[in-house]
Protein backbone atom coordinates (compact mmCIF):
# COMPACT_ATOMS: atom_id res chain seq x y z
CA UNK A 1 0.13 -0.26 0.30
CA UNK A 2 1.38 3.19 -1.22
CA UNK A 3 1.99 6.00 1.56
CA UNK A 4 -1.24 7.96 0.52
CA UNK A 5 -3.22 5.26 0.71
CA UNK A 6 -1.80 3.99 4.42
CA UNK A 7 -2.17 7.59 5.45
CA UNK A 8 -5.94 7.66 4.46
CA UNK A 9 -6.50 4.08 6.21
CA UNK A 10 -4.64 5.68 9.20
CA UNK A 11 -7.27 9.00 9.08
CA UNK A 12 -10.12 6.98 8.66
CA UNK A 13 -9.40 4.49 11.61
CA UNK A 14 -8.95 7.54 13.90
CA UNK A 15 -12.29 8.66 12.89
CA UNK A 16 -13.60 5.13 13.86
CA UNK A 17 -11.97 5.09 17.08
CA UNK A 18 -13.54 8.37 17.81
CA UNK A 19 -17.06 7.12 16.29
CA UNK A 20 -17.14 3.91 18.69
CA UNK A 21 -16.90 5.53 21.82
CA UNK A 22 -20.81 5.62 21.27
CA UNK A 23 -20.96 2.16 21.26
CA UNK A 24 -24.40 1.74 19.46
CA UNK A 25 -25.51 -1.06 17.33
CA UNK A 26 -27.86 1.45 15.59
CA UNK A 27 -26.30 1.79 11.82
CA UNK A 28 -26.55 5.07 9.61
CA UNK A 29 -25.59 6.10 6.46
CA UNK A 30 -22.01 7.53 7.91
CA UNK A 31 -21.02 4.56 9.08
CA UNK A 32 -22.05 3.19 5.61
CA UNK A 33 -19.99 5.70 3.66
CA UNK A 34 -16.91 4.88 6.43
CA UNK A 35 -16.97 1.69 5.72
CA UNK A 36 -17.37 1.74 1.85
CA UNK A 37 -13.97 4.36 2.18
CA UNK A 38 -11.60 1.84 4.09
CA UNK A 39 -12.63 -0.66 0.95
CA UNK A 40 -11.53 1.77 -1.01
CA UNK A 41 -8.42 2.86 0.66
CA UNK A 42 -7.41 -1.23 1.27
CA UNK A 43 -7.55 -1.28 -2.15
CA UNK A 44 -10.13 -4.13 -2.54
CA UNK A 45 -12.09 -4.95 -6.00
CA UNK A 46 -15.83 -4.74 -5.76
CA UNK A 47 -16.97 -8.11 -7.33
CA UNK A 48 -19.44 -7.43 -10.18
CA UNK A 49 -20.95 -10.98 -10.90
CA UNK A 50 -20.43 -14.61 -9.95
CA UNK A 51 -17.55 -14.99 -12.87
CA UNK A 52 -15.95 -11.91 -11.35
CA UNK A 53 -16.09 -13.68 -7.92
CA UNK A 54 -14.86 -16.73 -9.45
CA UNK A 55 -11.68 -15.26 -10.52
CA UNK A 56 -10.50 -13.66 -6.98
CA UNK A 57 -11.19 -16.90 -5.41
CA UNK A 58 -8.56 -18.19 -7.93
CA UNK A 59 -6.07 -14.97 -7.15
CA UNK A 60 -6.41 -15.92 -3.22
CA UNK A 61 -7.91 -12.22 -3.01
CA UNK A 62 -10.90 -14.41 -1.39
CA UNK A 63 -10.87 -17.22 0.30
CA UNK A 64 -13.45 -19.93 1.16
CA UNK A 65 -15.30 -19.97 4.56
CA UNK A 66 -16.87 -23.30 5.29
CA UNK A 67 -18.86 -24.71 8.47
CA UNK A 68 -16.44 -26.03 11.20
CA UNK A 69 -17.20 -27.41 14.51
CA UNK A 70 -18.26 -24.03 16.32
CA UNK A 71 -19.88 -22.44 12.89
CA UNK A 72 -21.89 -22.89 10.45
CA UNK A 73 -23.42 -21.38 7.11
CA UNK A 74 -27.50 -21.07 6.16
CA UNK A 75 -28.85 -19.89 3.30
CA UNK A 76 -25.29 -18.69 2.26
CA UNK A 77 -24.76 -18.72 -1.87
CA UNK A 78 -21.37 -16.96 -1.72
CA UNK A 79 -18.86 -18.71 0.94
CA UNK A 80 -16.23 -16.55 0.49
CA UNK A 81 -14.53 -13.61 2.08
CA UNK A 82 -11.49 -11.62 2.44
CA UNK A 83 -8.75 -13.97 4.42
CA UNK A 84 -9.35 -11.10 7.30
CA UNK A 85 -12.76 -11.83 7.70
CA UNK A 86 -11.93 -15.61 7.98
CA UNK A 87 -9.79 -14.88 10.61
CA UNK A 88 -12.73 -12.81 12.52
CA UNK A 89 -15.02 -15.73 12.01
CA UNK A 90 -12.99 -18.63 13.32
CA UNK A 91 -12.04 -16.44 16.47
CA UNK A 92 -15.20 -15.08 16.96
CA UNK A 93 -17.38 -18.58 16.58
CA UNK A 94 -15.00 -20.43 18.84
CA UNK A 95 -15.54 -17.82 21.34
CA UNK A 96 -18.95 -18.07 21.15
CA UNK A 97 -19.13 -21.76 20.69
CA UNK A 98 -17.47 -21.85 24.36
CA UNK A 99 -19.60 -19.28 25.76
CA UNK A 100 -23.04 -20.47 24.78
CA UNK A 101 -22.16 -24.05 23.82
CA UNK A 102 -23.72 -23.53 20.28
CA UNK A 103 -22.46 -22.48 17.04
CA UNK A 104 -22.44 -19.49 15.74
CA UNK A 105 -24.52 -18.59 12.16
CA UNK A 106 -23.51 -17.04 9.65
CA UNK A 107 -26.11 -15.69 6.61
CA UNK A 108 -24.50 -14.01 4.19
CA UNK A 109 -20.51 -12.86 3.26
CA UNK A 110 -19.76 -11.62 -0.16
CA UNK A 111 -21.97 -11.20 -2.91
CA UNK A 112 -21.81 -9.90 -6.28
CA UNK A 113 -22.90 -6.48 -6.96
CA UNK A 114 -26.06 -7.55 -9.76
CA UNK A 115 -27.08 -10.28 -6.71
CA UNK A 116 -27.58 -7.70 -4.09
CA UNK A 117 -30.97 -7.85 -2.45
CA UNK A 118 -33.43 -4.66 -3.25
CA UNK A 119 -32.93 -3.43 0.42
CA UNK A 120 -28.89 -3.70 0.23
CA UNK A 121 -27.17 -0.33 0.54
CA UNK A 122 -25.77 1.17 -2.60
CA UNK A 123 -22.34 1.46 -1.22
CA UNK A 124 -22.50 -1.84 0.90
CA UNK A 125 -19.00 -3.54 1.42
CA UNK A 126 -20.41 -7.10 0.80
CA UNK A 127 -19.36 -6.66 -2.44
CA UNK A 128 -15.92 -5.96 -1.45
CA UNK A 129 -15.54 -9.14 0.83
CA UNK A 130 -15.11 -7.44 3.85
CA UNK A 131 -18.79 -7.97 5.36
CA UNK A 132 -20.24 -10.38 7.31
CA UNK A 133 -24.17 -11.14 8.43
CA UNK A 134 -24.66 -13.23 12.04
CA UNK A 135 -28.09 -14.69 13.39
CA UNK A 136 -28.98 -13.33 15.99
CA UNK A 137 -29.04 -15.67 18.80
CA UNK A 138 -32.53 -16.57 20.58
CA UNK A 139 -31.31 -16.77 23.74
CA UNK A 140 -30.94 -13.52 25.65
CA UNK A 141 -27.33 -14.51 27.36
CA UNK A 142 -25.84 -15.74 24.15
CA UNK A 143 -27.23 -12.43 22.29
CA UNK A 144 -26.27 -10.16 25.22
CA UNK A 145 -22.67 -11.71 25.00
CA UNK A 146 -22.55 -11.83 21.10
CA UNK A 147 -23.83 -7.90 21.16
CA UNK A 148 -21.08 -6.97 23.95
CA UNK A 149 -18.11 -8.67 22.17
CA UNK A 150 -19.11 -7.06 19.31
CA UNK A 151 -18.94 -3.79 20.25
CA UNK A 152 -15.89 -4.12 22.34
CA UNK A 153 -14.17 -4.75 18.94
CA UNK A 154 -15.93 -1.93 17.66
CA UNK A 155 -14.11 -0.01 20.26
CA UNK A 156 -11.23 -0.91 19.64
CA UNK A 157 -11.34 0.48 15.79
CA UNK A 158 -11.55 -2.92 13.70
CA UNK A 159 -14.96 -3.53 13.04
CA UNK A 160 -18.56 -1.76 12.45
CA UNK A 161 -21.63 -3.87 13.78
CA UNK A 162 -25.41 -3.05 12.99
CA UNK A 163 -28.43 -4.69 14.32
CA UNK A 164 -30.24 -4.84 11.00
CA UNK A 165 -34.03 -5.56 11.11
CA UNK A 166 -34.99 -6.80 8.18
CA UNK A 167 -34.69 -9.63 8.37
CA UNK A 168 -33.13 -9.56 11.77
CA UNK A 169 -29.28 -9.86 11.89
CA UNK A 170 -25.82 -8.00 12.88
CA UNK A 171 -23.97 -7.03 9.68
CA UNK A 172 -20.51 -6.45 10.55
CA UNK A 173 -18.04 -5.12 8.61
CA UNK A 174 -14.80 -6.03 9.31
CA UNK A 175 -11.84 -3.54 8.88
CA UNK A 176 -9.36 -6.10 8.63
CA UNK A 177 -5.77 -4.84 8.56
CA UNK A 178 -6.80 -3.13 11.44
CA UNK A 179 -8.21 -6.65 12.91
CA UNK A 180 -5.42 -8.53 11.70
CA UNK A 181 -2.63 -6.36 13.71
CA UNK A 182 -5.12 -6.15 16.45
CA UNK A 183 -4.92 -10.14 16.64
CA UNK A 184 -0.98 -9.85 16.14
CA UNK A 185 -0.32 -7.97 19.11
CA UNK A 186 -2.83 -10.63 21.56
CA UNK A 187 -1.24 -13.09 20.27
CA UNK A 188 2.36 -11.91 20.47
CA UNK A 189 1.56 -10.16 24.39
CA UNK A 190 -0.62 -12.74 25.88
CA UNK A 191 -0.93 -16.65 25.89
CA UNK A 192 -4.17 -18.38 27.04
CA UNK A 193 -4.80 -20.24 29.96
CA UNK A 194 -8.52 -22.71 29.95
CA UNK A 195 -9.61 -23.25 33.67
CA UNK A 196 -9.87 -26.57 34.45
CA UNK A 197 -11.95 -28.72 36.58
CA UNK A 198 -10.64 -28.00 40.58
CA UNK A 199 -8.23 -24.73 39.66
CA UNK A 200 -8.08 -21.91 41.89
CA UNK A 201 -6.45 -18.45 40.82
CA UNK A 202 -3.87 -19.41 43.31
CA UNK A 203 -2.38 -22.36 41.60
CA UNK A 204 -3.11 -21.06 37.72
CA UNK A 205 -0.65 -17.93 39.51
CA UNK A 206 1.87 -20.66 40.56
CA UNK A 207 1.86 -22.58 37.06
CA UNK A 208 2.26 -19.50 34.90
CA UNK A 209 4.16 -17.44 37.15
CA UNK A 210 1.89 -14.69 37.00
CA UNK A 211 0.70 -12.75 39.99
CA UNK A 212 -2.86 -12.73 41.16
CA UNK A 213 -3.42 -9.41 40.46
CA UNK A 214 -2.19 -9.28 37.16
CA UNK A 215 -4.27 -12.13 36.24
CA UNK A 216 -7.48 -10.15 37.83
CA UNK A 217 -6.48 -7.06 36.15
CA UNK A 218 -5.91 -9.04 32.92
CA UNK A 219 -9.10 -10.86 32.55
CA UNK A 220 -11.32 -8.02 34.01
CA UNK A 221 -11.40 -10.05 37.74
CA UNK A 222 -13.02 -8.76 40.68
CA UNK A 223 -12.63 -11.76 42.74
CA UNK A 224 -11.06 -15.24 42.53
CA UNK A 225 -13.66 -16.67 40.96
CA UNK A 226 -13.47 -18.53 37.76
CA UNK A 227 -15.43 -21.34 35.69
CA UNK A 228 -14.52 -24.70 34.26
CA UNK A 229 -13.42 -23.92 30.58
CA UNK A 230 -13.45 -19.83 31.10
CA UNK A 231 -10.57 -18.83 29.21
CA UNK A 232 -8.09 -16.28 30.99
CA UNK A 233 -5.56 -14.20 29.61
CA UNK A 234 -1.68 -14.48 30.35
CA UNK A 235 0.24 -11.27 30.15
CA UNK A 236 2.96 -10.90 28.14
CA UNK A 237 5.77 -10.14 31.17
CA UNK A 238 4.50 -13.90 32.03
CA UNK A 239 5.57 -15.74 29.15
CA UNK A 240 9.02 -16.86 30.60
CA UNK A 241 7.40 -17.84 33.67
CA UNK A 242 4.84 -19.73 31.60
CA UNK A 243 7.64 -21.80 29.69
CA UNK A 244 9.35 -23.08 32.66
CA UNK A 245 6.12 -24.19 34.16
CA UNK A 246 4.97 -25.73 31.26
CA UNK A 247 6.56 -28.97 32.15
CA UNK A 248 5.10 -29.13 35.41
CA UNK A 249 1.53 -28.64 33.10
CA UNK A 250 2.49 -31.61 30.71
CA UNK A 251 3.27 -33.91 33.91
CA UNK A 252 -0.02 -33.47 34.90
CA UNK A 253 -2.04 -34.47 31.55
CA UNK A 254 -3.35 -37.26 31.37
CA UNK A 255 -6.27 -39.33 29.23
CA UNK A 256 -9.16 -40.73 29.66
CA UNK A 257 -12.12 -42.33 28.06
CA UNK A 258 -15.23 -40.97 27.89
CA UNK A 259 -18.98 -42.92 26.41
CA UNK A 260 -21.09 -40.71 24.81
CA UNK A 261 -24.35 -40.84 26.74
CA UNK A 262 -27.76 -39.17 25.48
CA UNK A 263 -27.82 -35.57 25.72
CA UNK A 264 -24.44 -35.00 25.77
CA UNK A 265 -22.50 -32.60 22.96
CA UNK A 266 -18.88 -31.22 22.95
CA UNK A 267 -19.42 -28.83 24.60
CA UNK A 268 -21.08 -30.37 27.89
CA UNK A 269 -18.16 -32.64 27.38
CA UNK A 270 -15.53 -30.33 26.87
CA UNK A 271 -17.20 -28.19 29.87
CA UNK A 272 -16.97 -31.46 32.18
CA UNK A 273 -13.06 -32.42 31.67
CA UNK A 274 -12.12 -28.38 31.31
CA UNK A 275 -11.04 -28.96 27.96
CA UNK A 276 -12.41 -27.08 24.28
CA UNK A 277 -14.40 -28.79 22.28
CA UNK A 278 -11.46 -28.03 19.37
CA UNK A 279 -9.21 -29.94 21.29
CA UNK A 280 -11.42 -32.68 21.81
CA UNK A 281 -12.26 -32.34 17.89
CA UNK A 282 -8.66 -32.75 16.91
CA UNK A 283 -7.94 -35.27 19.55
CA UNK A 284 -10.34 -37.81 17.87
CA UNK A 285 -9.97 -36.70 14.39
CA UNK A 286 -13.53 -35.04 14.17
CA UNK A 287 -15.03 -33.22 11.09
CA UNK A 288 -17.57 -32.55 13.27
CA UNK A 289 -20.07 -32.31 16.83
CA UNK A 290 -21.64 -35.09 15.73
CA UNK A 291 -21.62 -37.31 18.03
CA UNK A 292 -23.31 -41.02 18.56
CA UNK A 293 -24.52 -42.75 22.07
CA UNK A 294 -22.22 -44.81 23.28
CA UNK A 295 -18.69 -43.83 21.03
CA UNK A 296 -15.54 -43.42 23.06
CA UNK A 297 -13.70 -40.21 22.78
CA UNK A 298 -10.20 -39.45 24.44
CA UNK A 299 -10.14 -36.48 26.78
CA UNK A 300 -6.93 -34.92 27.86
CA UNK A 301 -7.49 -34.10 31.23
CA UNK A 302 -4.77 -31.92 33.21
CA UNK A 303 -4.82 -32.71 37.19
């Protein structure tokens, strides 16, 4: 990206940070204009037709979005998006599954201009491949979690979210370069610890080499209450301590066999043993979260 475009993106993102202070799900014409301006500044091509989209997919500008153990597609005609949008969907869906025990549902991704719905905004960024529509959860707690998370990311200036009414969904425009930088800073600056059955904040502090006060501050904890399956952020200052302590954790890892019973889900099983859905799927080479009664699963339990 040349200097002029880079400066333009920086200016636009500063504007995003200022507007995000309002923290609202209501959209506006100015937010649509802002999303469109960013797409232009990024140099993104706006897809005109299905054939045009195929060429962008072949060229690698757009990537395929496939269902996972934590995300499903519903009536998505063109399951493609910018790589940064895929990164966003992968991370958000994993977090949503962990928080709510159900899959995140994607209802729309890239759309060619000649196949935009009648009520689409003229300057929509769906044809640019930097937008994703999400189904609004039925459960109030899941809805609250998703809205809180999306607004938090909007406040960081990495996306713009609007709750649409016709049809009901969340429209999310991902500012891909800013989001990728945000994720890189998170990955480079912290590590994660998944709370297991019997864990206490004091034990996690000893294991990771991070003080209890640091753990509380990094995770917004007011006390010592933690939940099985909860993901705790471990500050970068403790990376060395984490590496030293990792051998202790490895020494405590054992495997158990769980026989699937009626009503079991991967999320419930993961919560019971203090592990994640993705880890169970990886250890058992599962392509999706379908389970059969009597099926035996290999579960790694750290205690």
